[in-house]
Amino acid sequence: MFIGVSASLVLARLAPLLVWLACHFIGDFAFQSTWMSVEKGKSWEVNFYHCATYTATFVLFAHPSFNAVLVLLCTHYVFDTLKARYKVIGSIWLDQILHIATIIVILLFGI
């Protein structure tokens, strides 16, 4: 128990974040084929396929709002373009921090 906060309240706040993080890691790694990984930096279309697959994971398991779907799809496309095509984002850690920060912002602001 946290100071004056019940465990059920903490779990109620934490559960959506854990679901969204699971969707992120499944969509960004497990559902990204080798072909997508290799080609997304060379092809706008392949990058879009990866981002659509990534976002579909959230739609299936987290049931986000339409606006959240748009934010996830668009930010993922921009971040992955900056990483894979333009090499502006060099580190996978920075890439992952940006994706996770997007998720946290969506959940905090109820987008």
Foldseek 3Di string as FASTA:
>chain_A
DPDVDDPVNVCVLCVLLVQLVVLQCCLQPVVQDPCLVVCVQPDLVSLLVSLVSSLVSCCVGVVADPVLSVLSSVQSSVLCNCCRHVVVPPDVVVSVVSNSVSVVVCSVVVD
